[in-house]
Protein backbone atom coordinates (compact mmCIF):
# COMPACT_ATOMS: atom_id res chain seq x y z
CA MET A 1 -7.83 16.77 -9.34
CA SER A 2 -4.74 14.86 -8.17
CA LEU A 3 -5.26 11.66 -6.20
CA ILE A 4 -2.75 12.65 -3.50
CA GLN A 5 -1.69 16.21 -2.68
CA LEU A 6 0.77 16.86 0.16
CA GLU A 7 1.77 20.41 1.04
CA GLY A 8 4.37 21.18 3.70
CA ILE A 9 3.77 17.94 5.63
CA CYS A 10 5.55 17.79 8.99
CA ARG A 11 5.36 15.09 11.65
CA SER A 12 6.99 15.48 15.05
CA TYR A 13 7.04 13.13 18.04
CA ALA A 14 7.79 13.85 21.68
CA MET A 15 10.49 11.47 22.95
CA GLY A 16 10.86 12.30 26.62
CA ARG A 17 12.10 15.88 26.75
CA GLU A 18 13.18 15.84 23.12
CA THR A 19 11.15 16.37 19.96
CA VAL A 20 11.91 14.17 16.97
CA HIS A 21 11.13 15.77 13.61
CA ALA A 22 10.43 12.74 11.40
CA LEU A 23 9.09 14.76 8.45
CA ARG A 24 10.22 18.34 7.88
CA GLY A 25 8.00 19.77 5.16
CA ILE A 26 7.19 17.31 2.39
CA SER A 27 5.24 18.44 -0.65
CA LEU A 28 4.20 15.83 -3.24
CA THR A 29 1.59 15.27 -5.90
CA ILE A 30 0.64 11.77 -7.05
CA GLU A 31 -1.76 11.29 -9.93
CA ARG A 32 -4.18 8.45 -10.55
CA GLY A 33 -2.57 5.44 -12.19
CA GLU A 34 0.99 6.20 -11.08
CA TYR A 35 3.32 3.44 -9.88
CA VAL A 36 5.58 5.05 -7.28
CA ALA A 37 8.38 3.64 -5.12
CA ILE A 38 9.30 5.43 -1.89
CA MET A 39 12.87 4.79 -0.74
CA GLY A 40 15.10 5.91 2.10
CA PRO A 41 17.54 4.62 4.70
CA SER A 42 16.49 3.68 8.23
CA GLY A 43 15.41 6.81 10.08
CA SER A 44 14.81 8.80 6.90
CA GLY A 45 11.10 9.26 7.54
CA LYS A 46 9.82 6.92 4.82
CA SER A 47 7.85 4.75 7.29
CA THR A 48 6.31 7.85 8.84
CA LEU A 49 5.37 9.06 5.36
CA MET A 50 3.83 5.66 4.57
CA ASN A 51 1.73 5.80 7.76
CA LEU A 52 0.51 9.28 6.83
CA LEU A 53 -0.30 8.28 3.24
CA GLY A 54 -2.17 5.24 4.56
CA CYS A 55 -4.18 7.36 7.02
CA LEU A 56 -2.71 5.41 9.92
CA ASP A 57 -1.38 8.69 11.32
CA THR A 58 -2.03 12.40 10.80
CA PRO A 59 0.49 15.23 10.22
CA THR A 60 1.57 17.74 12.83
CA ALA A 61 1.49 20.48 10.19
CA GLY A 62 0.72 20.80 6.51
CA THR A 63 -2.16 19.53 4.39
CA TYR A 64 -2.93 16.09 2.96
CA GLU A 65 -5.75 15.70 0.47
CA LEU A 66 -6.65 12.18 -0.63
CA ASN A 67 -9.11 11.99 -3.51
CA GLY A 68 -10.37 15.45 -2.59
CA HIS A 69 -10.74 14.71 1.14
CA SER A 70 -8.70 16.65 3.71
CA VAL A 71 -7.15 14.02 5.98
CA ARG A 72 -5.57 16.11 8.72
CA GLU A 73 -8.84 17.12 10.38
CA MET A 74 -10.41 13.64 10.39
CA ASP A 75 -11.22 11.82 13.62
CA ASP A 76 -10.41 8.14 14.19
CA ASN A 77 -13.73 6.89 12.80
CA GLU A 78 -13.38 8.96 9.65
CA LEU A 79 -9.79 7.76 9.18
CA ALA A 80 -10.92 4.14 9.54
CA GLU A 81 -13.65 4.70 6.97
CA ILE A 82 -11.34 6.30 4.43
CA ARG A 83 -8.76 3.51 4.94
CA ASN A 84 -11.35 0.85 4.17
CA ARG A 85 -12.76 2.74 1.19
CA GLU A 86 -9.71 4.34 -0.42
CA ILE A 87 -6.62 2.30 0.54
CA GLY A 88 -5.60 -1.33 0.07
CA PHE A 89 -2.66 -2.44 2.24
CA VAL A 90 -0.07 -5.12 1.44
CA PHE A 91 2.43 -5.93 4.19
CA GLN A 92 5.75 -7.75 4.30
CA THR A 93 4.30 -10.32 6.75
CA PHE A 94 1.08 -10.91 4.72
CA ASN A 95 -1.19 -10.40 7.81
CA LEU A 96 -3.56 -13.22 6.86
CA LEU A 97 -5.86 -15.06 9.28
CA ALA A 98 -4.17 -18.44 9.76
CA ARG A 99 -7.35 -20.50 10.25
CA SER A 100 -9.29 -18.93 7.40
CA THR A 101 -9.29 -19.90 3.75
CA ALA A 102 -7.97 -17.63 1.03
CA LEU A 103 -11.56 -16.77 0.09
CA ARG A 104 -12.47 -15.86 3.67
CA ASN A 105 -9.35 -13.71 4.06
CA VAL A 106 -10.17 -11.77 0.91
CA GLU A 107 -13.81 -11.37 2.00
CA LEU A 108 -12.89 -9.50 5.21
CA PRO A 109 -12.86 -5.92 3.84
CA LEU A 110 -16.22 -6.62 2.19
CA ILE A 111 -17.68 -7.77 5.51
CA TYR A 112 -16.54 -4.47 7.10
CA ALA A 113 -18.10 -2.64 4.15
CA GLY A 114 -21.46 -4.34 4.85
CA ARG A 115 -21.69 -6.34 1.61
CA GLY A 116 -24.01 -9.38 1.54
CA LEU A 117 -22.75 -12.97 1.63
CA GLU A 118 -23.44 -13.91 -1.98
CA GLU A 119 -22.01 -10.67 -3.37
CA ARG A 120 -18.83 -10.78 -1.30
CA ARG A 121 -18.16 -14.43 -2.21
CA GLU A 122 -18.48 -13.54 -5.88
CA VAL A 123 -16.28 -10.43 -5.61
CA ALA A 124 -13.64 -12.20 -3.48
CA PHE A 125 -13.44 -15.11 -5.91
CA ALA A 126 -12.99 -12.70 -8.82
CA ALA A 127 -10.16 -10.93 -6.94
CA LEU A 128 -8.38 -14.24 -6.31
CA ARG A 129 -8.85 -15.24 -9.93
CA ASP A 130 -7.32 -11.93 -11.03
CA VAL A 131 -4.11 -12.68 -9.07
CA GLY A 132 -3.90 -16.24 -10.42
CA LEU A 133 -5.32 -18.12 -7.43
CA ALA A 134 -8.69 -19.38 -8.66
CA ASP A 135 -7.56 -22.92 -7.74
CA ARG A 136 -6.53 -21.97 -4.18
CA VAL A 137 -9.71 -20.35 -2.81
CA GLY A 138 -10.26 -23.12 -0.24
CA HIS A 139 -6.64 -23.28 0.96
CA ARG A 140 -5.46 -21.86 4.29
CA PRO A 141 -2.24 -19.82 4.52
CA ASN A 142 -0.18 -22.77 5.83
CA GLU A 143 -1.20 -24.73 2.73
CA MET A 144 0.23 -22.09 0.37
CA SER A 145 3.68 -20.85 -0.59
CA GLY A 146 4.94 -17.41 0.45
CA GLY A 147 4.23 -16.05 -3.01
CA GLN A 148 0.68 -17.43 -2.97
CA ARG A 149 0.06 -15.89 0.46
CA GLN A 150 1.25 -12.52 -0.81
CA ARG A 151 -1.08 -12.88 -3.80
CA VAL A 152 -3.95 -13.48 -1.37
CA ALA A 153 -2.89 -10.31 0.46
CA VAL A 154 -2.89 -8.39 -2.83
CA ALA A 155 -6.36 -9.74 -3.70
CA ARG A 156 -7.63 -8.68 -0.27
CA ALA A 157 -6.12 -5.22 -0.74
CA LEU A 158 -7.86 -4.79 -4.10
CA VAL A 159 -11.25 -6.30 -3.29
CA ASN A 160 -12.88 -2.97 -2.33
CA ASN A 161 -11.53 -1.35 -5.52
CA PRO A 162 -9.50 1.21 -3.53
CA SER A 163 -7.97 4.35 -4.96
CA ILE A 164 -4.46 3.28 -3.84
CA LEU A 165 -2.59 0.02 -3.30
CA LEU A 166 -0.02 0.75 -0.57
CA ALA A 167 2.64 -1.95 -0.22
CA ASP A 168 5.23 -1.97 2.58
CA GLU A 169 8.32 -4.06 1.67
CA PRO A 170 6.04 -6.50 -0.23
CA THR A 171 8.89 -8.84 -1.29
CA GLY A 172 10.81 -8.69 2.01
CA ASN A 173 9.81 -12.22 3.14
CA LEU A 174 10.06 -13.82 -0.30
CA ASP A 175 12.89 -15.51 -2.17
CA SER A 176 14.17 -13.72 -5.27
CA ARG A 177 12.16 -15.78 -7.78
CA THR A 178 8.89 -15.41 -5.87
CA GLY A 179 9.59 -11.72 -5.28
CA ALA A 180 10.02 -11.27 -9.03
CA GLU A 181 6.59 -12.87 -9.56
CA ILE A 182 4.97 -10.39 -7.17
CA LEU A 183 6.69 -7.48 -8.94
CA GLU A 184 5.37 -8.80 -12.27
CA LEU A 185 1.91 -8.84 -10.71
CA PHE A 186 2.37 -5.21 -9.62
CA GLN A 187 3.39 -4.22 -13.15
CA SER A 188 0.28 -5.96 -14.46
CA LEU A 189 -1.91 -4.06 -11.96
CA SER A 190 -0.21 -0.81 -12.97
CA ALA A 191 -0.90 -1.55 -16.63
CA LYS A 192 -4.60 -1.93 -15.72
CA GLY A 193 -4.62 1.58 -14.24
CA HIS A 194 -4.22 0.87 -10.52
CA THR A 195 -2.31 3.42 -8.41
CA LEU A 196 0.56 1.71 -6.56
CA LEU A 197 2.76 3.12 -3.81
CA VAL A 198 5.56 0.73 -2.78
CA VAL A 199 7.75 1.48 0.23
CA THR A 200 11.06 -0.36 -0.08
CA HIS A 201 14.76 -0.19 0.73
CA GLU A 202 15.63 -2.42 -2.24
CA GLU A 203 16.80 -0.66 -5.39
CA GLU A 204 15.78 -3.61 -7.57
CA VAL A 205 12.21 -3.45 -6.27
CA ALA A 206 12.04 0.32 -6.73
CA ARG A 207 13.25 0.05 -10.33
CA HIS A 208 10.01 -1.74 -11.28
CA ALA A 209 8.10 1.46 -10.53
CA LYS A 210 7.76 4.37 -12.95
CA ARG A 211 8.73 6.99 -10.38
CA ILE A 212 11.13 6.82 -7.41
CA ILE A 213 10.86 9.26 -4.51
CA ARG A 214 13.85 9.18 -2.16
CA ILE A 215 13.42 10.44 1.41
CA ARG A 216 16.33 11.57 3.57
CA ASP A 217 16.25 13.39 6.92
CA GLY A 218 12.51 13.93 6.64
CA LEU A 219 12.68 15.65 3.26
CA VAL A 220 12.35 14.66 -0.39
CA ALA A 221 15.95 14.18 -1.54
CA SER A 222 15.02 13.32 -5.14
CA ASP A 223 11.98 12.56 -7.28
CA GLU A 224 12.73 10.89 -10.61
CA ARG A 225 10.83 9.23 -13.42
CA VAL A 226 12.27 5.86 -14.42
CA GLU A 227 11.68 3.30 -17.14
CA PRO A 228 10.73 -0.04 -15.53
CA PRO A 229 12.36 -3.21 -16.88
CA ALA A 230 10.58 -5.05 -19.67
CA SER A 231 8.32 -7.87 -18.49
């Protein structure tokens, strides 16, 4: 069974008297362990596709199966549950709680999942250690560099052991050297078997993936396998 199966996905929005067709019939299959970049110009539909893949939105037509679950018919509570269980999000702006330590930020998904204090501290520390931040667990975001904050965000995204890591422009707020470090981290996660979906407009970022899907005018313009650069 494929991890993600999209068939004829359409998404339309009413804008006053007009209807905007953001996605016009996208069919895709993504297997477990793939590292996929999704690219497209502004207005191509890639952000809409990301929201659908992340269960932040539902399609107007077509079917979306995530890990065997049909997403289109889910209500808001079911979507929230599947997001917390199946998807780890990494955003361009980090989305960390400013007054909380790295450990506390990473613990948050475990609190929502109902895990006990001792267990979640142990699991959150292990996640921070895995992204190279074992010595920063007590630091707040303003005491860390941009790259360290993004590593905290990655640790938080992975702490529930989700099926997918979904990253939206993950290097957009980082300088080139720090961005390269985050991309190396993604390659390391891919090598460990994690499934990564990275939405980006940067060709250099996309080239670190093993597959690039290009979206244009709400359709898949191309879908190619690539050889990522050597670490």
